[in-house]
N, C-alpha and C. Protein backbone atom coordinates (compact mmCIF):
# COMPACT_ATOMS: atom_id res chain seq x y z
N MET A 1 38.51 21.82 -20.48
CA MET A 1 38.46 22.93 -21.41
C MET A 1 38.86 24.23 -20.72
N ASN A 2 38.37 24.42 -19.52
CA ASN A 2 38.68 25.62 -18.77
C ASN A 2 40.17 25.69 -18.43
N ASP A 3 40.79 24.52 -18.20
CA ASP A 3 42.22 24.48 -17.91
C ASP A 3 43.03 24.99 -19.09
N LEU A 4 42.60 24.64 -20.30
CA LEU A 4 43.31 25.09 -21.49
C LEU A 4 43.25 26.60 -21.64
N SER A 5 42.08 27.18 -21.41
CA SER A 5 41.96 28.63 -21.55
C SER A 5 42.75 29.35 -20.47
N SER A 6 42.75 28.83 -19.26
CA SER A 6 43.52 29.48 -18.19
C SER A 6 45.02 29.31 -18.45
N SER A 7 45.40 28.17 -19.03
CA SER A 7 46.80 27.94 -19.36
C SER A 7 47.27 28.92 -20.43
N SER A 8 46.47 29.11 -21.47
CA SER A 8 46.85 30.04 -22.53
C SER A 8 46.86 31.47 -22.01
N HIS A 9 45.93 31.78 -21.10
CA HIS A 9 45.91 33.12 -20.49
C HIS A 9 47.18 33.34 -19.68
N THR A 10 47.60 32.33 -18.93
CA THR A 10 48.82 32.42 -18.13
C THR A 10 50.03 32.58 -19.04
N ASP A 11 50.07 31.82 -20.15
CA ASP A 11 51.18 31.92 -21.10
C ASP A 11 51.27 33.33 -21.69
N ARG A 12 50.11 33.89 -22.05
CA ARG A 12 50.10 35.25 -22.60
C ARG A 12 50.58 36.26 -21.56
N TYR A 13 50.18 36.07 -20.31
CA TYR A 13 50.61 36.96 -19.24
C TYR A 13 52.13 36.89 -19.07
N VAL A 14 52.67 35.67 -19.08
CA VAL A 14 54.12 35.48 -18.93
C VAL A 14 54.85 36.12 -20.10
N ASP A 15 54.35 35.90 -21.33
CA ASP A 15 54.96 36.50 -22.52
C ASP A 15 54.95 38.02 -22.42
N GLN A 16 53.82 38.59 -22.02
CA GLN A 16 53.71 40.04 -21.90
C GLN A 16 54.67 40.57 -20.84
N ASN A 17 54.78 39.84 -19.74
CA ASN A 17 55.68 40.23 -18.67
C ASN A 17 57.13 40.22 -19.16
N GLN A 18 57.51 39.17 -19.92
CA GLN A 18 58.86 39.10 -20.48
C GLN A 18 59.09 40.23 -21.47
N ASN A 19 58.09 40.50 -22.31
CA ASN A 19 58.21 41.62 -23.26
C ASN A 19 58.43 42.94 -22.53
N ASN A 20 57.69 43.15 -21.45
CA ASN A 20 57.85 44.39 -20.68
C ASN A 20 59.25 44.50 -20.10
N LYS A 21 59.78 43.38 -19.60
CA LYS A 21 61.15 43.40 -19.05
C LYS A 21 62.17 43.70 -20.15
N LEU A 22 61.99 43.09 -21.32
CA LEU A 22 62.91 43.35 -22.43
C LEU A 22 62.82 44.80 -22.88
N LEU A 23 61.60 45.34 -22.93
CA LEU A 23 61.44 46.74 -23.32
C LEU A 23 62.11 47.67 -22.31
N THR A 24 62.02 47.32 -21.05
CA THR A 24 62.70 48.12 -20.02
C THR A 24 64.19 48.11 -20.27
N GLU A 25 64.74 46.93 -20.60
CA GLU A 25 66.16 46.84 -20.92
C GLU A 25 66.50 47.66 -22.15
N ILE A 26 65.64 47.56 -23.17
CA ILE A 26 65.89 48.30 -24.41
C ILE A 26 65.91 49.79 -24.12
N ARG A 27 64.92 50.26 -23.38
CA ARG A 27 64.81 51.70 -23.12
C ARG A 27 65.91 52.21 -22.21
N SER A 28 66.41 51.37 -21.33
CA SER A 28 67.48 51.82 -20.44
C SER A 28 68.86 51.44 -20.98
N ARG A 29 68.89 50.82 -22.16
CA ARG A 29 70.11 50.46 -22.87
C ARG A 29 70.99 49.47 -22.10
N ILE A 30 70.38 48.61 -21.32
CA ILE A 30 71.15 47.62 -20.57
C ILE A 30 71.69 46.58 -21.55
N HIS A 31 72.99 46.46 -21.60
CA HIS A 31 73.67 45.46 -22.45
C HIS A 31 73.19 45.51 -23.89
N LEU A 32 72.78 46.65 -24.36
CA LEU A 32 72.17 46.73 -25.68
C LEU A 32 73.15 46.35 -26.79
N ARG A 33 74.38 46.83 -26.69
CA ARG A 33 75.35 46.54 -27.75
C ARG A 33 75.59 45.05 -27.90
N HIS A 34 75.56 44.33 -26.81
CA HIS A 34 75.90 42.91 -26.84
C HIS A 34 74.73 42.04 -27.25
N VAL A 35 73.55 42.57 -27.21
CA VAL A 35 72.37 41.74 -27.42
C VAL A 35 71.77 41.91 -28.80
N ILE A 36 71.80 43.12 -29.34
CA ILE A 36 71.08 43.38 -30.59
C ILE A 36 72.01 43.20 -31.78
N PRO A 37 71.65 42.32 -32.69
CA PRO A 37 72.48 42.09 -33.88
C PRO A 37 72.54 43.33 -34.77
N ASN A 38 73.55 43.40 -35.61
CA ASN A 38 73.77 44.58 -36.47
C ASN A 38 72.57 44.91 -37.34
N GLU A 39 71.85 43.90 -37.81
CA GLU A 39 70.74 44.18 -38.72
C GLU A 39 69.60 44.92 -38.05
N HIS A 40 69.63 45.05 -36.72
CA HIS A 40 68.57 45.75 -36.01
C HIS A 40 69.03 47.10 -35.45
N LYS A 41 70.18 47.58 -35.88
CA LYS A 41 70.69 48.85 -35.36
C LYS A 41 69.77 50.02 -35.73
N GLN A 42 69.13 49.96 -36.90
CA GLN A 42 68.23 51.05 -37.29
C GLN A 42 67.07 51.16 -36.32
N CYS A 43 66.67 50.06 -35.72
CA CYS A 43 65.57 50.10 -34.74
C CYS A 43 66.00 50.87 -33.50
N THR A 44 67.23 50.61 -33.04
CA THR A 44 67.68 51.31 -31.84
C THR A 44 67.82 52.80 -32.11
N LYS A 45 68.27 53.14 -33.32
CA LYS A 45 68.39 54.56 -33.66
C LYS A 45 67.02 55.23 -33.59
N MET A 46 66.03 54.57 -34.12
CA MET A 46 64.68 55.14 -34.11
C MET A 46 64.16 55.28 -32.67
N LEU A 47 64.46 54.29 -31.84
CA LEU A 47 63.96 54.34 -30.47
C LEU A 47 64.67 55.39 -29.62
N TYR A 48 65.95 55.65 -29.92
CA TYR A 48 66.73 56.54 -29.06
C TYR A 48 67.07 57.88 -29.69
N ASP A 49 66.58 58.13 -30.89
CA ASP A 49 66.88 59.38 -31.58
C ASP A 49 66.16 60.53 -30.89
N LYS A 50 66.92 61.38 -30.20
CA LYS A 50 66.32 62.48 -29.44
C LYS A 50 65.66 63.50 -30.36
N THR A 51 66.21 63.71 -31.56
CA THR A 51 65.59 64.67 -32.49
C THR A 51 64.24 64.17 -32.95
N PHE A 52 64.10 62.85 -33.08
CA PHE A 52 62.82 62.26 -33.46
C PHE A 52 61.79 62.57 -32.38
N ASP A 53 62.17 62.37 -31.11
CA ASP A 53 61.26 62.66 -30.00
C ASP A 53 60.91 64.15 -29.94
N LYS A 54 61.92 65.03 -30.12
CA LYS A 54 61.68 66.47 -30.05
C LYS A 54 60.75 66.92 -31.16
N ALA A 55 60.92 66.35 -32.34
CA ALA A 55 60.07 66.72 -33.48
C ALA A 55 58.62 66.39 -33.19
N ILE A 56 58.40 65.26 -32.57
CA ILE A 56 57.02 64.86 -32.23
C ILE A 56 56.44 65.83 -31.21
N ILE A 57 57.24 66.19 -30.20
CA ILE A 57 56.75 67.08 -29.14
C ILE A 57 56.50 68.48 -29.69
N SER A 58 57.45 69.03 -30.47
CA SER A 58 57.31 70.41 -30.94
C SER A 58 56.22 70.57 -31.99
N ASN A 59 55.96 69.55 -32.76
CA ASN A 59 54.95 69.64 -33.81
C ASN A 59 53.62 68.99 -33.42
N GLU A 60 53.46 68.74 -32.15
CA GLU A 60 52.27 68.02 -31.70
C GLU A 60 50.98 68.66 -32.19
N ASP A 61 50.92 69.99 -32.13
CA ASP A 61 49.70 70.68 -32.55
C ASP A 61 49.50 70.63 -34.06
N ASN A 62 50.61 70.62 -34.81
CA ASN A 62 50.52 70.68 -36.27
C ASN A 62 50.39 69.30 -36.92
N VAL A 63 50.77 68.28 -36.20
CA VAL A 63 50.76 66.93 -36.77
C VAL A 63 49.36 66.33 -36.64
N SER A 64 48.92 65.73 -37.72
CA SER A 64 47.59 65.13 -37.66
C SER A 64 47.63 63.86 -36.82
N LYS A 65 46.48 63.45 -36.35
CA LYS A 65 46.38 62.23 -35.55
C LYS A 65 46.86 61.02 -36.33
N LYS A 66 46.61 61.03 -37.64
CA LYS A 66 47.00 59.90 -38.48
C LYS A 66 48.52 59.73 -38.49
N GLU A 67 49.26 60.84 -38.65
CA GLU A 67 50.72 60.78 -38.67
C GLU A 67 51.27 60.35 -37.31
N THR A 68 50.68 60.85 -36.25
CA THR A 68 51.12 60.46 -34.91
C THR A 68 50.90 58.97 -34.70
N LYS A 69 49.77 58.48 -35.17
CA LYS A 69 49.46 57.06 -35.04
C LYS A 69 50.47 56.22 -35.83
N LEU A 70 50.84 56.67 -37.04
CA LEU A 70 51.83 55.96 -37.84
C LEU A 70 53.18 55.93 -37.15
N ASP A 71 53.60 57.06 -36.56
CA ASP A 71 54.86 57.11 -35.83
C ASP A 71 54.84 56.13 -34.66
N GLU A 72 53.73 56.09 -33.95
CA GLU A 72 53.61 55.18 -32.82
C GLU A 72 53.67 53.72 -33.28
N GLN A 73 53.03 53.43 -34.42
CA GLN A 73 53.07 52.07 -34.96
C GLN A 73 54.48 51.68 -35.36
N LYS A 74 55.23 52.64 -35.95
CA LYS A 74 56.62 52.37 -36.32
C LYS A 74 57.45 52.08 -35.08
N ARG A 75 57.23 52.85 -34.04
CA ARG A 75 57.98 52.66 -32.79
C ARG A 75 57.67 51.29 -32.19
N ILE A 76 56.39 50.93 -32.17
CA ILE A 76 55.99 49.62 -31.63
C ILE A 76 56.60 48.50 -32.47
N HIS A 77 56.60 48.67 -33.80
CA HIS A 77 57.19 47.67 -34.69
C HIS A 77 58.69 47.52 -34.40
N ALA A 78 59.38 48.64 -34.22
CA ALA A 78 60.81 48.60 -33.91
C ALA A 78 61.05 47.90 -32.58
N GLU A 79 60.22 48.20 -31.58
CA GLU A 79 60.36 47.54 -30.29
C GLU A 79 60.14 46.04 -30.41
N ASN A 80 59.14 45.63 -31.20
CA ASN A 80 58.89 44.20 -31.39
C ASN A 80 60.04 43.51 -32.09
N LEU A 81 60.64 44.17 -33.09
CA LEU A 81 61.81 43.61 -33.76
C LEU A 81 62.95 43.40 -32.77
N LEU A 82 63.16 44.39 -31.91
CA LEU A 82 64.24 44.28 -30.93
C LEU A 82 63.96 43.19 -29.91
N ILE A 83 62.72 43.08 -29.47
CA ILE A 83 62.37 42.03 -28.52
C ILE A 83 62.67 40.66 -29.12
N ASN A 84 62.25 40.45 -30.36
CA ASN A 84 62.50 39.17 -31.01
C ASN A 84 63.98 38.92 -31.20
N ALA A 85 64.74 39.95 -31.56
CA ALA A 85 66.18 39.80 -31.73
C ALA A 85 66.84 39.43 -30.41
N MET A 86 66.41 40.09 -29.33
CA MET A 86 66.99 39.80 -28.02
C MET A 86 66.66 38.38 -27.59
N ARG A 87 65.45 37.95 -27.83
CA ARG A 87 65.06 36.58 -27.46
C ARG A 87 65.91 35.55 -28.22
N LYS A 88 66.05 35.76 -29.54
CA LYS A 88 66.83 34.83 -30.35
C LYS A 88 68.28 34.80 -29.88
N ARG A 89 68.84 35.97 -29.62
CA ARG A 89 70.23 36.06 -29.19
C ARG A 89 70.42 35.36 -27.85
N ARG A 90 69.51 35.58 -26.93
CA ARG A 90 69.62 34.93 -25.61
C ARG A 90 69.47 33.43 -25.72
N PHE A 91 68.59 32.97 -26.61
CA PHE A 91 68.41 31.54 -26.82
C PHE A 91 69.71 30.94 -27.35
N VAL A 92 70.31 31.59 -28.33
CA VAL A 92 71.57 31.10 -28.90
C VAL A 92 72.66 31.10 -27.84
N MET A 93 72.72 32.15 -27.04
CA MET A 93 73.75 32.22 -26.00
C MET A 93 73.55 31.12 -24.97
N ARG A 94 72.29 30.85 -24.61
CA ARG A 94 72.02 29.76 -23.66
C ARG A 94 72.42 28.43 -24.27
N PHE A 95 72.11 28.24 -25.55
CA PHE A 95 72.43 26.99 -26.23
C PHE A 95 73.94 26.81 -26.29
N GLU A 96 74.67 27.88 -26.64
CA GLU A 96 76.13 27.79 -26.73
C GLU A 96 76.74 27.49 -25.37
N SER A 97 76.24 28.12 -24.32
CA SER A 97 76.82 27.88 -23.00
C SER A 97 76.52 26.46 -22.52
N SER A 98 75.33 25.94 -22.83
CA SER A 98 75.03 24.57 -22.43
C SER A 98 75.86 23.59 -23.24
N SER A 99 76.14 23.90 -24.51
CA SER A 99 76.98 23.03 -25.34
C SER A 99 78.40 23.02 -24.82
N SER A 100 78.91 24.18 -24.41
CA SER A 100 80.28 24.23 -23.91
C SER A 100 80.39 23.48 -22.59
N ASP A 101 79.35 23.51 -21.76
CA ASP A 101 79.35 22.74 -20.51
C ASP A 101 79.42 21.25 -20.81
N GLU A 102 78.67 20.81 -21.83
CA GLU A 102 78.69 19.39 -22.20
C GLU A 102 80.06 18.99 -22.72
N ASN A 103 80.70 19.86 -23.51
CA ASN A 103 82.03 19.56 -24.05
C ASN A 103 83.05 19.44 -22.94
N GLU A 104 82.98 20.34 -21.94
CA GLU A 104 83.90 20.28 -20.81
C GLU A 104 83.71 18.98 -20.03
N THR A 105 82.47 18.57 -19.84
CA THR A 105 82.18 17.34 -19.11
C THR A 105 82.74 16.14 -19.87
N GLU A 106 82.57 16.13 -21.20
CA GLU A 106 83.10 15.04 -22.01
C GLU A 106 84.62 14.98 -21.93
N GLN A 107 85.28 16.14 -21.95
CA GLN A 107 86.73 16.18 -21.87
C GLN A 107 87.21 15.68 -20.51
N GLU A 108 86.50 16.03 -19.46
CA GLU A 108 86.87 15.56 -18.12
C GLU A 108 86.73 14.05 -18.03
N LEU A 109 85.71 13.49 -18.64
CA LEU A 109 85.49 12.05 -18.60
C LEU A 109 86.56 11.29 -19.38
N GLU A 110 87.07 11.91 -20.45
CA GLU A 110 88.10 11.26 -21.25
C GLU A 110 89.42 11.17 -20.50
N HIS A 111 89.69 12.11 -19.60
CA HIS A 111 90.97 12.13 -18.88
C HIS A 111 90.87 11.38 -17.64
């Protein structure tokens, strides 16, 4: 029983670590154009919109805690959407590259 709980704890740690790495890529825009599908472009705009950040900073005193919390939740939601999109895209890319390797091997065997 203890092995199961430590295993799930390790899995969660690995997932969180991968999420952190993906967020670092998202924030530094590493290969962003190639990884994020078109349907998630609005998320990147929200994450990188400098006017959005400036508005939060300049109105910090005037904005209620509730609004700030909602903005933070939106940002976290956008980051989660991007993380999932990047994971799916990388999985598809890995699958396609492994399929092309298999096709090349089959062609070599035929000749």
